[in-house]
C-alpha atoms as a PDB file:
ATOM      1  CA  UNK A   1     190.860  85.688 -74.527  1.00  0.00           C
ATOM      2  CA  UNK A   2     191.677  83.515 -71.548  1.00  0.00           C
ATOM      3  CA  UNK A   3     189.707  80.465 -72.641  1.00  0.00           C
ATOM      4  CA  UNK A   4     190.931  79.036 -75.938  1.00  0.00           C
ATOM      5  CA  UNK A   5     189.745  75.440 -76.522  1.00  0.00           C
ATOM      6  CA  UNK A   6     191.858  75.266 -79.676  1.00  0.00           C
ATOM      7  CA  UNK A   7     194.994  75.030 -77.514  1.00  0.00           C
ATOM      8  CA  UNK A   8     194.147  71.352 -77.008  1.00  0.00           C
ATOM      9  CA  UNK A   9     193.672  70.751 -80.750  1.00  0.00           C
ATOM     10  CA  UNK A  10     196.866  72.376 -82.001  1.00  0.00           C
ATOM     11  CA  UNK A  11     198.727  69.196 -83.049  1.00  0.00           C
ATOM     12  CA  UNK A  12     198.207  65.408 -83.217  1.00  0.00           C
ATOM     13  CA  UNK A  13     200.090  64.686 -79.990  1.00  0.00           C
ATOM     14  CA  UNK A  14     197.934  66.910 -77.802  1.00  0.00           C
ATOM     15  CA  UNK A  15     194.767  65.747 -79.569  1.00  0.00           C
ATOM     16  CA  UNK A  16     195.620  62.141 -78.733  1.00  0.00           C
ATOM     17  CA  UNK A  17     196.475  63.056 -75.147  1.00  0.00           C
ATOM     18  CA  UNK A  18     193.093  64.659 -74.412  1.00  0.00           C
ATOM     19  CA  UNK A  19     190.884  62.384 -76.547  1.00  0.00           C
ATOM     20  CA  UNK A  20     187.748  61.619 -74.538  1.00  0.00           C
ATOM     21  CA  UNK A  21     186.798  58.477 -76.449  1.00  0.00           C
ATOM     22  CA  UNK A  22     189.135  55.586 -77.147  1.00  0.00           C
ATOM     23  CA  UNK A  23     188.769  52.345 -79.064  1.00  0.00           C
ATOM     24  CA  UNK A  24     190.505  49.019 -78.483  1.00  0.00           C
ATOM     25  CA  UNK A  25     190.462  45.892 -80.624  1.00  0.00           C
ATOM     26  CA  UNK A  26     189.124  43.920 -77.665  1.00  0.00           C
ATOM     27  CA  UNK A  27     185.827  45.808 -77.977  1.00  0.00           C
ATOM     28  CA  UNK A  28     184.866  44.139 -81.264  1.00  0.00           C
ATOM     29  CA  UNK A  29     182.727  41.055 -81.899  1.00  0.00           C
ATOM     30  CA  UNK A  30     182.594  39.674 -85.441  1.00  0.00           C
ATOM     31  CA  UNK A  31     179.407  37.959 -86.714  1.00  0.00           C
ATOM     32  CA  UNK A  32     179.494  34.745 -88.770  1.00  0.00           C
ATOM     33  CA  UNK A  33     176.836  32.865 -90.735  1.00  0.00           C
ATOM     34  CA  UNK A  34     177.285  29.080 -90.716  1.00  0.00           C
ATOM     35  CA  UNK A  35     175.507  26.612 -93.039  1.00  0.00           C
ATOM     36  CA  UNK A  36     175.312  22.845 -93.325  1.00  0.00           C
ATOM     37  CA  UNK A  37     177.529  21.027 -95.807  1.00  0.00           C
ATOM     38  CA  UNK A  38     181.219  21.002 -96.673  1.00  0.00           C
ATOM     39  CA  UNK A  39     183.570  23.198 -98.680  1.00  0.00           C
ATOM     40  CA  UNK A  40     180.984  25.976 -98.794  1.00  0.00           C
ATOM     41  CA  UNK A  41     181.780  29.675 -98.972  1.00  0.00           C
ATOM     42  CA  UNK A  42     178.760  31.643-100.200  1.00  0.00           C
ATOM     43  CA  UNK A  43     179.318  35.390-100.649  1.00  0.00           C
ATOM     44  CA  UNK A  44     176.284  37.428 -99.563  1.00  0.00           C
ATOM     45  CA  UNK A  45     175.465  39.848-102.365  1.00  0.00           C
ATOM     46  CA  UNK A  46     173.769  42.392-100.114  1.00  0.00           C
ATOM     47  CA  UNK A  47     176.720  42.428 -97.701  1.00  0.00           C
ATOM     48  CA  UNK A  48     179.967  42.801 -99.673  1.00  0.00           C
ATOM     49  CA  UNK A  49     182.854  41.009 -98.010  1.00  0.00           C
ATOM     50  CA  UNK A  50     180.615  38.795 -95.861  1.00  0.00           C
ATOM     51  CA  UNK A  51     179.923  35.122 -96.631  1.00  0.00           C
ATOM     52  CA  UNK A  52     178.137  32.058 -95.337  1.00  0.00           C
ATOM     53  CA  UNK A  53     180.537  29.272 -94.337  1.00  0.00           C
ATOM     54  CA  UNK A  54     180.181  25.535 -93.823  1.00  0.00           C
ATOM     55  CA  UNK A  55     181.758  24.388 -90.570  1.00  0.00           C
ATOM     56  CA  UNK A  56     185.021  23.241 -92.158  1.00  0.00           C
ATOM     57  CA  UNK A  57     185.497  26.546 -93.977  1.00  0.00           C
ATOM     58  CA  UNK A  58     184.414  28.497 -90.897  1.00  0.00           C
ATOM     59  CA  UNK A  59     187.257  26.945 -88.928  1.00  0.00           C
ATOM     60  CA  UNK A  60     189.736  28.070 -91.600  1.00  0.00           C
ATOM     61  CA  UNK A  61     188.380  31.620 -91.702  1.00  0.00           C
ATOM     62  CA  UNK A  62     188.301  31.963 -87.925  1.00  0.00           C
ATOM     63  CA  UNK A  63     191.972  30.902 -87.843  1.00  0.00           C
ATOM     64  CA  UNK A  64     192.790  33.800 -90.167  1.00  0.00           C
ATOM     65  CA  UNK A  65     190.766  36.185 -88.034  1.00  0.00           C
ATOM     66  CA  UNK A  66     192.484  35.083 -84.838  1.00  0.00           C
ATOM     67  CA  UNK A  67     195.825  36.104 -86.300  1.00  0.00           C
ATOM     68  CA  UNK A  68     194.388  39.593 -86.792  1.00  0.00           C
ATOM     69  CA  UNK A  69     193.038  39.737 -83.256  1.00  0.00           C
ATOM     70  CA  UNK A  70     189.424  38.724 -83.922  1.00  0.00           C
ATOM     71  CA  UNK A  71     188.913  36.441 -80.916  1.00  0.00           C
ATOM     72  CA  UNK A  72     185.208  36.990 -80.217  1.00  0.00           C
ATOM     73  CA  UNK A  73     182.567  35.840 -82.696  1.00  0.00           C
ATOM     74  CA  UNK A  74     178.765  35.738 -82.882  1.00  0.00           C
ATOM     75  CA  UNK A  75     177.327  32.691 -84.677  1.00  0.00           C
ATOM     76  CA  UNK A  76     174.104  32.554 -86.709  1.00  0.00           C
ATOM     77  CA  UNK A  77     172.861  29.210 -88.050  1.00  0.00           C
ATOM     78  CA  UNK A  78     171.479  29.027 -91.594  1.00  0.00           C
ATOM     79  CA  UNK A  79     169.740  26.374 -93.641  1.00  0.00           C
ATOM     80  CA  UNK A  80     168.223  24.099 -91.010  1.00  0.00           C
ATOM     81  CA  UNK A  81     164.959  22.336 -91.753  1.00  0.00           C
ATOM     82  CA  UNK A  82     162.071  24.572 -90.722  1.00  0.00           C
ATOM     83  CA  UNK A  83     159.175  23.448 -88.539  1.00  0.00           C
ATOM     84  CA  UNK A  84     156.139  25.039 -86.917  1.00  0.00           C
ATOM     85  CA  UNK A  85     157.553  24.295 -83.474  1.00  0.00           C
ATOM     86  CA  UNK A  86     161.157  25.200 -84.423  1.00  0.00           C
ATOM     87  CA  UNK A  87     162.525  22.005 -82.880  1.00  0.00           C
ATOM     88  CA  UNK A  88     165.497  22.035 -85.279  1.00  0.00           C
ATOM     89  CA  UNK A  89     166.765  25.056 -83.326  1.00  0.00           C
ATOM     90  CA  UNK A  90     167.778  22.811 -80.430  1.00  0.00           C
ATOM     91  CA  UNK A  91     168.639  19.623 -82.290  1.00  0.00           C
ATOM     92  CA  UNK A  92     171.837  18.006 -81.013  1.00  0.00           C
ATOM     93  CA  UNK A  93     173.206  18.018 -84.563  1.00  0.00           C
ATOM     94  CA  UNK A  94     172.141  21.565 -85.477  1.00  0.00           C
ATOM     95  CA  UNK A  95     174.768  23.371 -87.510  1.00  0.00           C
ATOM     96  CA  UNK A  96     175.488  25.904 -84.765  1.00  0.00           C
ATOM     97  CA  UNK A  97     176.053  23.072 -82.287  1.00  0.00           C
ATOM     98  CA  UNK A  98     178.436  21.363 -84.722  1.00  0.00           C
ATOM     99  CA  UNK A  99     180.213  24.656 -85.369  1.00  0.00           C
ATOM    100  CA  UNK A 100     180.731  25.329 -81.668  1.00  0.00           C
ATOM    101  CA  UNK A 101     182.222  21.872 -81.126  1.00  0.00           C
ATOM    102  CA  UNK A 102     184.570  22.205 -84.103  1.00  0.00           C
ATOM    103  CA  UNK A 103     185.719  25.684 -83.093  1.00  0.00           C
ATOM    104  CA  UNK A 104     186.335  24.706 -79.487  1.00  0.00           C
ATOM    105  CA  UNK A 105     188.226  21.601 -80.624  1.00  0.00           C
ATOM    106  CA  UNK A 106     190.495  23.706 -82.814  1.00  0.00           C
ATOM    107  CA  UNK A 107     190.909  26.871 -80.765  1.00  0.00           C
ATOM    108  CA  UNK A 108     189.872  26.111 -77.187  1.00  0.00           C
ATOM    109  CA  UNK A 109     189.790  29.165 -74.972  1.00  0.00           C
ATOM    110  CA  UNK A 110     191.642  31.297 -77.521  1.00  0.00           C
ATOM    111  CA  UNK A 111     188.242  31.926 -79.119  1.00  0.00           C
ATOM    112  CA  UNK A 112     185.203  33.292 -77.287  1.00  0.00           C
ATOM    113  CA  UNK A 113     182.011  31.988 -78.889  1.00  0.00           C
ATOM    114  CA  UNK A 114     178.672  33.783 -78.638  1.00  0.00           C
ATOM    115  CA  UNK A 115     175.568  32.353 -80.287  1.00  0.00           C
ATOM    116  CA  UNK A 116     172.425  34.061 -81.470  1.00  0.00           C
ATOM    117  CA  UNK A 117     169.330  32.515 -79.881  1.00  0.00           C
ATOM    118  CA  UNK A 118     166.195  33.100 -81.941  1.00  0.00           C
ATOM    119  CA  UNK A 119     163.676  30.952 -83.789  1.00  0.00           C
ATOM    120  CA  UNK A 120     163.162  32.953 -86.997  1.00  0.00           C
ATOM    121  CA  UNK A 121     165.573  30.833 -89.077  1.00  0.00           C
ATOM    122  CA  UNK A 122     163.999  27.602 -87.795  1.00  0.00           C
ATOM    123  CA  UNK A 123     160.260  28.246 -88.220  1.00  0.00           C
ATOM    124  CA  UNK A 124     158.207  27.725 -91.374  1.00  0.00           C
ATOM    125  CA  UNK A 125     156.709  31.190 -90.959  1.00  0.00           C
ATOM    126  CA  UNK A 126     159.943  33.058 -90.231  1.00  0.00           C
ATOM    127  CA  UNK A 127     158.825  34.649 -86.980  1.00  0.00           C
ATOM    128  CA  UNK A 128     160.933  34.709 -83.828  1.00  0.00           C
ATOM    129  CA  UNK A 129     158.560  32.616 -81.719  1.00  0.00           C
ATOM    130  CA  UNK A 130     155.793  30.036 -81.915  1.00  0.00           C
ATOM    131  CA  UNK A 131     152.921  31.251 -84.105  1.00  0.00           C
ATOM    132  CA  UNK A 132     149.300  30.491 -83.236  1.00  0.00           C
ATOM    133  CA  UNK A 133     146.293  32.185 -84.804  1.00  0.00           C
ATOM    134  CA  UNK A 134     148.637  34.508 -86.706  1.00  0.00           C
ATOM    135  CA  UNK A 135     150.087  35.861 -83.462  1.00  0.00           C
ATOM    136  CA  UNK A 136     153.484  35.075 -81.971  1.00  0.00           C
ATOM    137  CA  UNK A 137     152.841  33.428 -78.625  1.00  0.00           C
ATOM    138  CA  UNK A 138     155.121  34.657 -75.891  1.00  0.00           C
ATOM    139  CA  UNK A 139     155.065  32.037 -73.147  1.00  0.00           C
ATOM    140  CA  UNK A 140     155.044  28.939 -75.355  1.00  0.00           C
ATOM    141  CA  UNK A 141     158.117  30.313 -77.155  1.00  0.00           C
ATOM    142  CA  UNK A 142     160.168  30.591 -73.972  1.00  0.00           C
ATOM    143  CA  UNK A 143     160.753  26.858 -73.491  1.00  0.00           C
ATOM    144  CA  UNK A 144     161.954  26.438 -77.087  1.00  0.00           C
ATOM    145  CA  UNK A 145     164.314  29.388 -76.759  1.00  0.00           C
ATOM    146  CA  UNK A 146     165.640  28.025 -73.473  1.00  0.00           C
ATOM    147  CA  UNK A 147     166.243  24.611 -75.067  1.00  0.00           C
ATOM    148  CA  UNK A 148     168.107  26.279 -77.944  1.00  0.00           C
ATOM    149  CA  UNK A 149     170.325  28.210 -75.520  1.00  0.00           C
ATOM    150  CA  UNK A 150     170.963  25.028 -73.549  1.00  0.00           C
ATOM    151  CA  UNK A 151     172.001  23.102 -76.682  1.00  0.00           C
ATOM    152  CA  UNK A 152     174.509  25.821 -77.533  1.00  0.00           C
ATOM    153  CA  UNK A 153     175.876  26.013 -74.010  1.00  0.00           C
ATOM    154  CA  UNK A 154     176.250  22.243 -73.718  1.00  0.00           C
ATOM    155  CA  UNK A 155     178.204  22.251 -76.989  1.00  0.00           C
ATOM    156  CA  UNK A 156     180.635  24.743 -75.488  1.00  0.00           C
ATOM    157  CA  UNK A 157     179.322  28.231 -76.231  1.00  0.00           C
ATOM    158  CA  UNK A 158     180.753  30.802 -73.833  1.00  0.00           C
ATOM    159  CA  UNK A 159     177.777  33.129 -74.132  1.00  0.00           C
ATOM    160  CA  UNK A 160     174.260  33.007 -75.569  1.00  0.00           C
ATOM    161  CA  UNK A 161     172.550  36.056 -77.035  1.00  0.00           C
ATOM    162  CA  UNK A 162     168.735  35.866 -77.236  1.00  0.00           C
ATOM    163  CA  UNK A 163     167.430  38.189 -79.964  1.00  0.00           C
ATOM    164  CA  UNK A 164     163.763  37.169 -80.058  1.00  0.00           C
ATOM    165  CA  UNK A 165     162.355  39.939 -77.804  1.00  0.00           C
ATOM    166  CA  UNK A 166     159.898  37.664 -75.989  1.00  0.00           C
ATOM    167  CA  UNK A 167     158.992  38.882 -72.503  1.00  0.00           C
ATOM    168  CA  UNK A 168     160.734  36.867 -69.807  1.00  0.00           C
ATOM    169  CA  UNK A 169     163.176  35.030 -72.028  1.00  0.00           C
ATOM    170  CA  UNK A 170     166.269  36.037 -70.048  1.00  0.00           C
ATOM    171  CA  UNK A 171     164.824  34.539 -66.862  1.00  0.00           C
ATOM    172  CA  UNK A 172     163.735  31.387 -68.719  1.00  0.00           C
ATOM    173  CA  UNK A 173     167.173  30.892 -70.274  1.00  0.00           C
ATOM    174  CA  UNK A 174     169.046  31.637 -67.046  1.00  0.00           C
ATOM    175  CA  UNK A 175     166.886  29.126 -65.189  1.00  0.00           C
ATOM    176  CA  UNK A 176     167.434  26.435 -67.837  1.00  0.00           C
ATOM    177  CA  UNK A 177     171.194  26.963 -67.865  1.00  0.00           C
ATOM    178  CA  UNK A 178     171.501  26.975 -64.099  1.00  0.00           C
ATOM    179  CA  UNK A 179     169.404  23.818 -63.767  1.00  0.00           C
ATOM    180  CA  UNK A 180     171.931  22.096 -66.025  1.00  0.00           C
ATOM    181  CA  UNK A 181     174.995  23.298 -64.105  1.00  0.00           C
ATOM    182  CA  UNK A 182     175.911  25.876 -66.731  1.00  0.00           C
ATOM    183  CA  UNK A 183     176.091  28.757 -64.307  1.00  0.00           C
ATOM    184  CA  UNK A 184     179.161  30.222 -66.035  1.00  0.00           C
ATOM    185  CA  UNK A 185     177.516  30.526 -69.443  1.00  0.00           C
ATOM    186  CA  UNK A 186     176.880  34.247 -69.860  1.00  0.00           C
ATOM    187  CA  UNK A 187     173.855  35.914 -71.448  1.00  0.00           C
ATOM    188  CA  UNK A 188     174.064  38.965 -73.690  1.00  0.00           C
ATOM    189  CA  UNK A 189     170.540  40.228 -74.134  1.00  0.00           C
ATOM    190  CA  UNK A 190     169.294  41.945 -77.258  1.00  0.00           C
ATOM    191  CA  UNK A 191     167.447  44.057 -74.704  1.00  0.00           C
ATOM    192  CA  UNK A 192     166.417  46.957 -76.908  1.00  0.00           C
ATOM    193  CA  UNK A 193     165.953  45.458 -80.353  1.00  0.00           C
ATOM    194  CA  UNK A 194     163.908  47.698 -82.591  1.00  0.00           C
ATOM    195  CA  UNK A 195     161.615  46.746 -85.477  1.00  0.00           C
ATOM    196  CA  UNK A 196     163.954  48.352 -87.965  1.00  0.00           C
ATOM    197  CA  UNK A 197     164.410  48.725 -91.706  1.00  0.00           C
ATOM    198  CA  UNK A 198     168.166  48.508 -91.067  1.00  0.00           C
ATOM    199  CA  UNK A 199     168.002  44.702 -91.006  1.00  0.00           C
ATOM    200  CA  UNK A 200     167.280  44.375 -94.745  1.00  0.00           C
ATOM    201  CA  UNK A 201     170.542  42.746 -95.939  1.00  0.00           C
ATOM    202  CA  UNK A 202     170.521  40.386 -92.945  1.00  0.00           C
ATOM    203  CA  UNK A 203     167.241  38.879 -94.164  1.00  0.00           C
ATOM    204  CA  UNK A 204     169.077  37.643 -97.268  1.00  0.00           C
ATOM    205  CA  UNK A 205     172.063  36.483 -95.248  1.00  0.00           C
ATOM    206  CA  UNK A 206     170.041  34.475 -92.737  1.00  0.00           C
ATOM    207  CA  UNK A 207     166.982  33.467 -94.804  1.00  0.00           C
ATOM    208  CA  UNK A 208     164.837  34.637 -91.901  1.00  0.00           C
ATOM    209  CA  UNK A 209     162.281  37.072 -93.290  1.00  0.00           C
ATOM    210  CA  UNK A 210     158.744  36.478 -91.963  1.00  0.00           C
ATOM    211  CA  UNK A 211     156.438  34.780 -94.435  1.00  0.00           C
ATOM    212  CA  UNK A 212     153.696  37.266 -93.690  1.00  0.00           C
ATOM    213  CA  UNK A 213     153.144  40.170 -91.380  1.00  0.00           C
ATOM    214  CA  UNK A 214     155.948  41.901 -89.515  1.00  0.00           C
ATOM    215  CA  UNK A 215     157.687  41.766 -86.163  1.00  0.00           C
ATOM    216  CA  UNK A 216     156.234  44.889 -84.624  1.00  0.00           C
ATOM    217  CA  UNK A 217     154.222  42.978 -82.017  1.00  0.00           C
ATOM    218  CA  UNK A 218     157.445  41.859 -80.322  1.00  0.00           C
ATOM    219  CA  UNK A 219     160.339  43.987 -81.584  1.00  0.00           C
ATOM    220  CA  UNK A 220     160.344  47.551 -80.301  1.00  0.00           C
ATOM    221  CA  UNK A 221     158.706  50.626 -81.793  1.00  0.00           C
ATOM    222  CA  UNK A 222     161.557  52.846 -82.980  1.00  0.00           C
ATOM    223  CA  UNK A 223     159.744  55.908 -81.611  1.00  0.00           C
ATOM    224  CA  UNK A 224     160.083  54.734 -78.004  1.00  0.00           C
ATOM    225  CA  UNK A 225     163.209  55.556 -76.037  1.00  0.00           C
ATOM    226  CA  UNK A 226     161.808  55.167 -72.526  1.00  0.00           C
ATOM    227  CA  UNK A 227     160.425  51.754 -73.376  1.00  0.00           C
ATOM    228  CA  UNK A 228     163.899  50.700 -74.519  1.00  0.00           C
ATOM    229  CA  UNK A 229     165.288  51.591 -71.109  1.00  0.00           C
ATOM    230  CA  UNK A 230     162.465  49.672 -69.437  1.00  0.00           C
ATOM    231  CA  UNK A 231     163.310  46.579 -71.515  1.00  0.00           C
ATOM    232  CA  UNK A 232     166.984  46.865 -70.614  1.00  0.00           C
ATOM    233  CA  UNK A 233     166.346  47.176 -66.891  1.00  0.00           C
ATOM    234  CA  UNK A 234     163.911  44.247 -66.922  1.00  0.00           C
ATOM    235  CA  UNK A 235     166.544  42.064 -68.588  1.00  0.00           C
ATOM    236  CA  UNK A 236     169.098  43.156 -66.020  1.00  0.00           C
ATOM    237  CA  UNK A 237     166.703  42.066 -63.252  1.00  0.00           C
ATOM    238  CA  UNK A 238     166.180  38.707 -64.967  1.00  0.00           C
ATOM    239  CA  UNK A 239     169.882  37.883 -65.036  1.00  0.00           C
ATOM    240  CA  UNK A 240     171.419  39.326 -68.213  1.00  0.00           C
ATOM    241  CA  UNK A 241     175.174  39.852 -68.048  1.00  0.00           C
ATOM    242  CA  UNK A 242     175.434  42.297 -70.962  1.00  0.00           C
ATOM    243  CA  UNK A 243     172.768  44.629 -72.370  1.00  0.00           C
ATOM    244  CA  UNK A 244     172.680  45.242 -76.120  1.00  0.00           C
ATOM    245  CA  UNK A 245     171.029  47.926 -78.251  1.00  0.00           C
ATOM    246  CA  UNK A 246     170.231  47.064 -81.880  1.00  0.00           C
ATOM    247  CA  UNK A 247     170.574  48.773 -84.377  1.00  0.00           C
ATOM    248  CA  UNK A 248     173.304  51.206 -83.348  1.00  0.00           C
ATOM    249  CA  UNK A 249     173.735  54.182 -85.643  1.00  0.00           C
ATOM    250  CA  UNK A 250     170.184  55.550 -85.460  1.00  0.00           C
ATOM    251  CA  UNK A 251     169.904  54.721 -81.741  1.00  0.00           C
ATOM    252  CA  UNK A 252     172.856  56.488 -80.141  1.00  0.00           C
ATOM    253  CA  UNK A 253     170.465  58.214 -77.743  1.00  0.00           C
ATOM    254  CA  UNK A 254     169.215  54.826 -76.553  1.00  0.00           C
ATOM    255  CA  UNK A 255     172.768  53.564 -76.043  1.00  0.00           C
ATOM    256  CA  UNK A 256     173.475  56.635 -73.926  1.00  0.00           C
ATOM    257  CA  UNK A 257     170.279  56.239 -71.903  1.00  0.00           C
ATOM    258  CA  UNK A 258     170.975  52.574 -71.168  1.00  0.00           C
ATOM    259  CA  UNK A 259     174.590  53.313 -70.257  1.00  0.00           C
ATOM    260  CA  UNK A 260     173.531  55.944 -67.741  1.00  0.00           C
ATOM    261  CA  UNK A 261     171.031  53.639 -66.044  1.00  0.00           C
ATOM    262  CA  UNK A 262     172.728  50.249 -65.766  1.00  0.00           C
ATOM    263  CA  UNK A 263     175.867  48.928 -64.123  1.00  0.00           C
ATOM    264  CA  UNK A 264     176.122  46.162 -66.733  1.00  0.00           C
ATOM    265  CA  UNK A 265     178.377  46.347 -69.799  1.00  0.00           C
ATOM    266  CA  UNK A 266     176.557  47.884 -72.768  1.00  0.00           C
ATOM    267  CA  UNK A 267     176.892  46.520 -76.308  1.00  0.00           C
ATOM    268  CA  UNK A 268     175.565  47.736 -79.624  1.00  0.00           C
ATOM    269  CA  UNK A 269     175.039  45.924 -82.918  1.00  0.00           C
ATOM    270  CA  UNK A 270     176.254  47.793 -86.010  1.00  0.00           C
ATOM    271  CA  UNK A 271     173.736  46.008 -88.229  1.00  0.00           C
ATOM    272  CA  UNK A 272     173.699  44.831 -91.830  1.00  0.00           C
ATOM    273  CA  UNK A 273     172.271  47.899 -93.573  1.00  0.00           C
ATOM    274  CA  UNK A 274     174.567  50.199 -91.607  1.00  0.00           C
ATOM    275  CA  UNK A 275     177.434  48.097 -92.931  1.00  0.00           C
ATOM    276  CA  UNK A 276     176.156  47.706 -96.493  1.00  0.00           C
ATOM    277  CA  UNK A 277     175.405  51.401 -96.966  1.00  0.00           C
ATOM    278  CA  UNK A 278     179.015  52.232 -96.137  1.00  0.00           C
ATOM    279  CA  UNK A 279     180.266  49.542 -98.510  1.00  0.00           C
ATOM    280  CA  UNK A 280     178.000  50.783-101.322  1.00  0.00           C
ATOM    281  CA  UNK A 281     179.030  54.388-100.821  1.00  0.00           C
ATOM    282  CA  UNK A 282     182.704  53.465-100.777  1.00  0.00           C
ATOM    283  CA  UNK A 283     182.378  51.367-103.934  1.00  0.00           C
ATOM    284  CA  UNK A 284     180.842  54.372-105.719  1.00  0.00           C
ATOM    285  CA  UNK A 285     183.673  56.593-104.431  1.00  0.00           C
ATOM    286  CA  UNK A 286     181.165  58.825-102.676  1.00  0.00           C
ATOM    287  CA  UNK A 287     182.775  58.404 -99.246  1.00  0.00           C
ATOM    288  CA  UNK A 288     186.070  57.470 -97.631  1.00  0.00           C
ATOM    289  CA  UNK A 289     185.333  54.020 -96.184  1.00  0.00           C
ATOM    290  CA  UNK A 290     187.985  54.076 -93.494  1.00  0.00           C
ATOM    291  CA  UNK A 291     187.019  57.512 -92.203  1.00  0.00           C
ATOM    292  CA  UNK A 292     183.288  56.759 -92.176  1.00  0.00           C
ATOM    293  CA  UNK A 293     183.735  53.385 -90.466  1.00  0.00           C
ATOM    294  CA  UNK A 294     185.976  54.763 -87.759  1.00  0.00           C
ATOM    295  CA  UNK A 295     183.773  57.793 -87.174  1.00  0.00           C
ATOM    296  CA  UNK A 296     180.875  55.398 -86.622  1.00  0.00           C
ATOM    297  CA  UNK A 297     182.908  53.237 -84.239  1.00  0.00           C
ATOM    298  CA  UNK A 298     183.862  56.259 -82.157  1.00  0.00           C
ATOM    299  CA  UNK A 299     180.251  57.458 -82.186  1.00  0.00           C
ATOM    300  CA  UNK A 300     179.083  54.138 -80.729  1.00  0.00           C
ATOM    301  CA  UNK A 301     181.755  54.310 -78.055  1.00  0.00           C
ATOM    302  CA  UNK A 302     181.110  57.968 -77.278  1.00  0.00           C
ATOM    303  CA  UNK A 303     177.425  57.172 -76.790  1.00  0.00           C
ATOM    304  CA  UNK A 304     178.345  54.588 -74.160  1.00  0.00           C
ATOM    305  CA  UNK A 305     178.907  51.225 -75.850  1.00  0.00           C
ATOM    306  CA  UNK A 306     181.885  49.301 -74.529  1.00  0.00           C
ATOM    307  CA  UNK A 307     181.236  46.378 -76.880  1.00  0.00           C
ATOM    308  CA  UNK A 308     180.631  46.698 -80.632  1.00  0.00           C
ATOM    309  CA  UNK A 309     179.283  43.890 -82.801  1.00  0.00           C
ATOM    310  CA  UNK A 310     180.246  44.835 -86.337  1.00  0.00           C
ATOM    311  CA  UNK A 311     180.860  43.306 -89.759  1.00  0.00           C
ATOM    312  CA  UNK A 312     183.610  45.918 -90.172  1.00  0.00           C
ATOM    313  CA  UNK A 313     185.795  44.320 -87.470  1.00  0.00           C
ATOM    314  CA  UNK A 314     187.972  42.304 -89.841  1.00  0.00           C
ATOM    315  CA  UNK A 315     188.561  45.298 -92.126  1.00  0.00           C
ATOM    316  CA  UNK A 316     189.450  47.518 -89.162  1.00  0.00           C
ATOM    317  CA  UNK A 317     192.072  45.133 -87.829  1.00  0.00           C
ATOM    318  CA  UNK A 318     193.374  43.832 -91.157  1.00  0.00           C
ATOM    319  CA  UNK A 319     193.881  47.315 -92.586  1.00  0.00           C
ATOM    320  CA  UNK A 320     195.250  48.895 -89.427  1.00  0.00           C
ATOM    321  CA  UNK A 321     192.545  51.541 -89.224  1.00  0.00           C
ATOM    322  CA  UNK A 322     192.952  51.973 -85.469  1.00  0.00           C
END
């Protein structure tokens, strides 16, 4: 035989030399849940190892993470008063706004802060936009989302990440930011966000489950790959700087499709149930946590993601899994 592929697998040195997919710690973004109050650390039962933090405790935990190399975080606000019009989402004293200010005061440009922009945690009904006649209204939601993004950017956020899936929200947010001289605030779009059962544990973490109905009229049908690409390309046209696919593990084909059709960086979100299933399996000694986690990380990268949002980031860096 002339052609023997096993020649390039014969020992660890040659396997490392010819590896087609590589990971770096700079690819990871670590999500945080921040709540109002002081001295609060609330473990999330459905997500072992993940907690909600008050701003003061968040600052302490971020300091620990920075020493490990976790210098990019994604903030979710929890526990605000809920209103039909979601005006607490853009209040000048909203917990995310206060968290951004505290983090920038303590860490400056050593920490890159991304904020989730969505209304589900701020509405009485738990949907991601303004609800009228039991239907989430697209256009009337855009101004509220833009105001929320503006509040975060004015507080010092480096990037905003709209996850609502309203049509036109990237253009509305970009316009609002630019009008307020925030042209350098980047936008990472949850461009292909599917109506997925993989978000289950997150609902507990963020207290954001819809009061009735579901989100299928605005989040994507998980059967539709071409539509996901259409969404991504529309967001690119509207001014997104990074395109994200969410969830990740069951949507590797979508990550690949987006990667092959955009010149923008592509991110994926390794979501709560993907995380919690690994933790549960490891706790029961059914799987090797390190090997499963790293296989997933390489799968995301192999599919085309250059940015990975994952709750595993701290474990990966702390335990030296790379």
